[in-house]
Amino acid sequence: MKMLEFVRDEKKDRVTVACADGTVSVHSKCAYCRHCSAIVTGKRMSPAPQKEALAAIRKGSGSDDSLMTAAMMFNTLVQGGTAIACDDDANAGFLGLY
């Protein structure tokens, strides 16, 4: 697992990382990538909320609303975070979560 450090652009209010696909937006790419496993905030790693919500839906215990809530939680974690924990060891790049 590798850590992809955030690059923040305060003027555009954008957070990017250096992915195998190049420089990508955390909010539009990492949030919906299968390789994103956690958000690093300080010394703590918070699991990707979308993966947990999707797993609950597949088990039949979640709802569509939980995916929207998970996306908002992801954005909140990114605001205070410093990096993404990415399990793309083969450098395959973006792989859709849904």
Protein backbone atom coordinates (compact mmCIF):
# COMPACT_ATOMS: atom_id res chain seq x y z
CA MET A 1 0.00 0.00 0.00
CA LYS A 2 1.29 3.42 -0.88
CA MET A 3 0.52 6.86 0.48
CA LEU A 4 -0.36 9.58 -2.01
CA GLU A 5 0.28 12.99 -0.47
CA PHE A 6 -2.29 15.73 -1.04
CA VAL A 7 -1.37 18.75 -3.15
CA ARG A 8 -3.72 21.59 -2.22
CA ASP A 9 -4.56 24.49 -4.50
CA GLU A 10 -6.24 27.03 -2.23
CA LYS A 11 -7.18 29.39 -5.09
CA LYS A 12 -9.18 26.74 -6.94
CA ASP A 13 -10.22 24.91 -3.74
CA ARG A 14 -8.87 21.68 -5.23
CA VAL A 15 -6.97 18.73 -3.76
CA THR A 16 -4.95 16.49 -6.10
CA VAL A 17 -2.64 13.49 -5.83
CA ALA A 18 -0.02 11.94 -8.11
CA CYS A 19 -1.73 8.77 -9.36
CA ALA A 20 -0.57 6.26 -11.98
CA ASP A 21 -2.95 8.08 -14.35
CA GLY A 22 -1.19 11.39 -13.66
CA THR A 23 -2.31 14.20 -11.39
CA VAL A 24 -5.94 13.55 -10.46
CA SER A 25 -8.54 15.24 -8.28
CA VAL A 26 -9.15 13.49 -4.98
CA HIS A 27 -12.82 14.51 -4.94
CA SER A 28 -13.69 13.27 -8.43
CA LYS A 29 -11.32 10.32 -8.95
CA CYS A 30 -10.05 8.89 -5.64
CA ALA A 31 -13.49 9.09 -4.07
CA TYR A 32 -14.79 6.60 -6.64
CA CYS A 33 -11.72 4.38 -7.11
CA ARG A 34 -11.44 0.81 -5.86
CA HIS A 35 -7.82 1.36 -4.87
CA CYS A 36 -8.61 4.11 -2.35
CA SER A 37 -8.63 2.32 0.97
CA ALA A 38 -8.25 5.11 3.55
CA ILE A 39 -7.72 8.80 4.18
CA VAL A 40 -4.74 9.73 6.35
CA THR A 41 -5.43 12.44 8.94
CA GLY A 42 -2.41 13.01 11.14
CA LYS A 43 -1.34 9.63 12.51
CA ARG A 44 -4.75 8.09 11.94
CA MET A 45 -6.09 6.26 8.90
CA SER A 46 -9.85 6.47 8.36
CA PRO A 47 -11.29 3.81 6.04
CA ALA A 48 -12.89 5.03 2.81
CA PRO A 49 -16.58 5.59 3.67
CA GLN A 50 -17.79 4.74 0.15
CA LYS A 51 -16.37 1.22 0.34
CA GLU A 52 -18.12 0.58 3.64
CA ALA A 53 -21.44 1.96 2.34
CA LEU A 54 -21.20 -0.09 -0.85
CA ALA A 55 -20.46 -3.25 1.14
CA ALA A 56 -23.55 -2.60 3.29
CA ILE A 57 -25.72 -2.15 0.19
CA ARG A 58 -24.42 -5.38 -1.31
CA LYS A 59 -25.31 -7.20 1.91
CA GLY A 60 -28.79 -5.70 1.77
CA SER A 61 -28.46 -3.61 4.91
CA GLY A 62 -27.68 -0.24 3.32
CA SER A 63 -29.52 2.31 1.23
CA ASP A 64 -28.78 4.68 -1.62
CA ASP A 65 -28.83 7.53 0.87
CA SER A 66 -25.91 5.95 2.70
CA LEU A 67 -23.78 6.38 -0.44
CA MET A 68 -24.51 10.10 -0.51
CA THR A 69 -23.70 10.37 3.18
CA ALA A 70 -20.47 8.43 2.60
CA ALA A 71 -19.45 10.82 -0.19
CA MET A 72 -20.00 13.81 2.10
CA MET A 73 -18.00 12.09 4.85
CA PHE A 74 -15.17 11.42 2.38
CA ASN A 75 -15.05 15.13 1.49
CA THR A 76 -15.00 16.06 5.17
CA LEU A 77 -12.11 13.66 5.85
CA VAL A 78 -10.17 15.05 2.88
CA GLN A 79 -10.49 18.61 4.25
CA GLY A 80 -8.51 17.64 7.35
CA GLY A 81 -6.42 14.92 5.72
CA THR A 82 -2.89 14.81 4.40
CA ALA A 83 -2.83 11.75 2.12
CA ILE A 84 -4.72 8.86 0.54
CA ALA A 85 -3.82 5.26 1.30
CA CYS A 86 -3.85 3.59 -2.12
CA ASP A 87 -3.57 -0.17 -2.61
CA ASP A 88 -2.66 0.14 -6.31
CA ASP A 89 0.74 -1.54 -6.01
CA ALA A 90 0.67 -2.58 -9.68
CA ASN A 91 0.22 1.06 -10.87
CA ALA A 92 -2.92 0.18 -12.83
CA GLY A 93 -4.48 3.59 -12.21
CA PHE A 94 -8.14 4.41 -11.70
CA LEU A 95 -10.53 1.48 -11.30
CA GLY A 96 -14.19 2.39 -10.85
CA LEU A 97 -15.80 1.49 -7.53
CA TYR A 98 -19.32 1.13 -8.92
